[in-house]
Protein backbone atom coordinates (compact mmCIF):
# COMPACT_ATOMS: atom_id res chain seq x y z
CA MET A 1 30.68 9.08 14.89
CA ALA A 2 32.56 8.30 11.67
CA ARG A 3 31.49 4.66 11.98
CA ARG A 4 27.82 5.65 12.22
CA LEU A 5 28.14 7.93 9.23
CA ALA A 6 29.79 5.15 7.21
CA ALA A 7 27.00 2.75 8.20
CA VAL A 8 24.32 5.26 7.16
CA VAL A 9 26.05 5.93 3.82
CA THR A 10 26.37 2.17 3.19
CA LEU A 11 22.73 1.59 4.06
CA LEU A 12 21.51 4.43 1.84
CA GLY A 13 23.68 3.23 -1.02
CA SER A 14 22.36 -0.30 -0.78
CA LEU A 15 18.78 0.97 -0.65
CA LEU A 16 19.30 3.14 -3.71
CA LEU A 17 21.10 0.47 -5.72
CA GLY A 18 18.93 -2.39 -4.51
CA GLY A 19 15.72 -0.50 -5.31
CA CYS A 20 15.85 -1.02 -9.06
CA GLY A 21 12.81 -2.44 -10.83
CA ALA A 22 9.37 -2.38 -9.30
CA ASP A 23 10.37 -2.17 -5.63
CA LEU A 24 7.93 0.02 -3.73
CA GLY A 25 10.32 1.32 -1.08
CA LEU A 26 9.80 0.68 2.61
CA ASP A 27 6.77 -0.24 4.67
CA GLN A 28 5.60 1.18 8.00
CA ASN A 29 8.09 -1.05 9.83
CA GLY A 30 11.08 -0.04 7.71
CA HIS A 31 11.09 -3.30 5.70
CA LYS A 32 11.68 -3.27 1.95
CA VAL A 33 8.63 -3.95 -0.23
CA ALA A 34 10.39 -5.89 -2.99
CA SER A 35 9.24 -6.33 -6.55
CA GLU A 36 8.65 -10.04 -5.84
CA GLN A 37 5.78 -8.97 -3.56
CA VAL A 38 4.01 -7.09 -6.36
CA ASP A 39 5.13 -8.59 -9.67
CA LYS A 40 2.28 -10.49 -11.35
CA HIS A 41 -0.03 -9.58 -8.45
CA TRP A 42 -3.21 -7.57 -8.52
CA LEU A 43 -2.93 -4.68 -6.08
CA VAL A 44 -5.46 -2.95 -3.88
CA ILE A 45 -3.98 0.41 -2.83
CA ASN A 46 -5.92 2.37 -0.24
CA TYR A 47 -5.21 5.97 0.79
CA TRP A 48 -6.12 6.77 4.40
CA ALA A 49 -5.59 9.41 7.08
CA GLU A 50 -5.96 9.39 10.87
CA TRP A 51 -8.46 12.25 10.77
CA CYS A 52 -10.70 10.49 8.21
CA GLY A 53 -13.69 8.83 9.92
CA PRO A 54 -14.64 6.57 6.98
CA CYS A 55 -10.99 5.50 6.69
CA ARG A 56 -11.06 4.33 10.31
CA THR A 57 -14.26 2.38 9.66
CA GLU A 58 -12.96 0.63 6.54
CA ILE A 59 -9.57 -0.45 7.96
CA PRO A 60 -10.96 -3.62 9.61
CA GLU A 61 -12.57 -4.45 6.25
CA LEU A 62 -9.24 -4.03 4.47
CA ASN A 63 -7.52 -6.14 7.14
CA ALA A 64 -10.04 -8.91 6.43
CA LEU A 65 -9.58 -8.47 2.68
CA ALA A 66 -5.80 -8.76 2.97
CA LYS A 67 -6.14 -12.03 4.90
CA GLU A 68 -8.75 -13.38 2.48
CA LEU A 69 -6.64 -12.64 -0.59
CA LYS A 70 -3.21 -13.46 0.83
CA ASP A 71 -2.74 -16.62 -1.27
CA LYS A 72 -4.57 -15.40 -4.39
CA GLN A 73 -1.92 -13.22 -6.08
CA VAL A 74 -3.54 -10.07 -4.66
CA SER A 75 -1.73 -7.68 -2.33
CA VAL A 76 -3.39 -5.00 -0.20
CA PHE A 77 -1.38 -1.85 0.52
CA GLY A 78 -2.12 1.33 2.39
CA VAL A 79 -0.71 4.81 1.82
CA ASN A 80 -0.98 7.59 4.35
CA PHE A 81 -2.58 10.59 2.65
CA ASP A 82 -0.62 13.04 4.83
CA GLY A 83 2.76 11.57 3.89
CA LEU A 84 3.73 10.40 7.36
CA GLN A 85 7.14 8.72 7.53
CA GLY A 86 9.22 6.67 9.93
CA ASP A 87 8.00 6.37 13.51
CA ASP A 88 5.02 8.65 12.81
CA LEU A 89 3.80 6.29 10.08
CA LYS A 90 4.40 3.23 12.25
CA SER A 91 2.54 4.80 15.18
CA ALA A 92 -0.43 5.94 13.09
CA SER A 93 -0.70 2.53 11.42
CA ALA A 94 -0.61 0.77 14.80
CA ALA A 95 -3.10 3.20 16.37
CA LEU A 96 -5.60 2.45 13.60
CA GLY A 97 -4.98 -1.30 13.82
CA ILE A 98 -3.74 -1.62 10.24
CA GLY A 99 -2.69 -5.22 9.64
CA PHE A 100 -1.75 -4.90 5.96
CA THR A 101 1.38 -3.32 4.51
CA VAL A 102 1.51 0.48 4.53
CA LEU A 103 3.88 1.98 1.99
CA ALA A 104 6.11 4.80 3.21
CA GLN A 105 6.60 6.07 -0.35
CA ASP A 106 3.56 7.04 -2.36
CA PRO A 107 3.31 4.73 -5.42
CA ALA A 108 1.13 7.21 -7.38
CA ASP A 109 3.83 8.02 -9.93
CA HIS A 110 4.87 4.38 -10.31
CA TYR A 111 1.31 3.29 -11.21
CA ASP A 112 0.15 6.59 -12.73
CA LEU A 113 -2.64 6.84 -10.14
CA PRO A 114 -5.09 9.69 -10.63
CA HIS A 115 -4.92 12.28 -7.85
CA SER A 116 -7.84 12.40 -5.44
CA ASP A 117 -8.51 14.92 -2.69
CA ALA A 118 -11.36 12.74 -1.40
CA LEU A 119 -10.76 10.07 1.22
CA PRO A 120 -10.82 7.22 1.44
CA VAL A 121 -9.90 6.24 -2.09
CA THR A 122 -8.91 2.76 -3.21
CA TYR A 123 -7.31 1.78 -6.50
CA ILE A 124 -7.39 -1.69 -8.03
CA ILE A 125 -4.35 -2.34 -10.21
CA ASP A 126 -4.08 -5.40 -12.43
CA ASP A 127 -1.17 -7.83 -12.64
CA LYS A 128 0.36 -5.76 -15.46
CA GLY A 129 0.41 -2.53 -13.43
CA LYS A 130 -2.64 -0.88 -15.04
CA VAL A 131 -5.23 0.95 -12.92
CA ARG A 132 -8.49 -0.89 -13.49
CA GLU A 133 -10.79 0.70 -10.92
CA THR A 134 -10.98 3.75 -8.64
CA LEU A 135 -13.26 3.28 -5.65
CA LEU A 136 -14.21 6.46 -3.79
CA GLY A 137 -15.52 6.31 -0.25
CA GLU A 138 -15.64 3.62 2.38
CA GLN A 139 -15.27 0.07 1.06
CA THR A 140 -16.11 -3.38 2.42
CA ALA A 141 -14.06 -6.54 2.03
CA ALA A 142 -16.97 -8.18 0.20
CA GLY A 143 -17.39 -5.25 -2.18
CA VAL A 144 -13.71 -5.03 -3.13
CA SER A 145 -13.49 -8.81 -3.42
CA GLN A 146 -16.48 -8.80 -5.76
CA ARG A 147 -14.98 -6.03 -7.93
CA LEU A 148 -11.69 -7.96 -8.11
CA ALA A 149 -13.50 -11.14 -9.18
CA VAL A 150 -15.30 -9.29 -11.98
CA LEU A 151 -12.14 -7.52 -13.16
CA ARG A 152 -10.17 -10.77 -13.09
CA GLY A 153 -12.87 -12.54 -15.09
CA GLU A 154 -13.82 -14.80 -12.19
CA GLY A 155 -17.39 -13.75 -11.70
């Protein structure tokens, strides 16, 4: 028992000390989302919930978007609106077929995201950490990709 406690304390300490900078905490699988994954990247952050019909419809679109933008300095992240954690978050993400990274910790404070009670909501954040666009309602991969291109000065 003492060994387990020591291991937990060591793990928590390393997470707290190692989480300096722009780290975004853990993902739905318990893996660290390090600052290297977000620094100098544009971010698409989507808030979803299991009970949200439009969220369920847009998830395949966001999966496609994440694949399309993988090598273009753009990262797609999800955040569960209900604050699910641990196995509950992993199960909900898997049940909805989410293929992109889901953040266990809400990044709203980190990026100064405006609060929204409406779902789904998607934020586009530039490579300097500034919110550039708030998209309410169900999105398509093509629509978000087009908005990104305009915001990045590519189209």
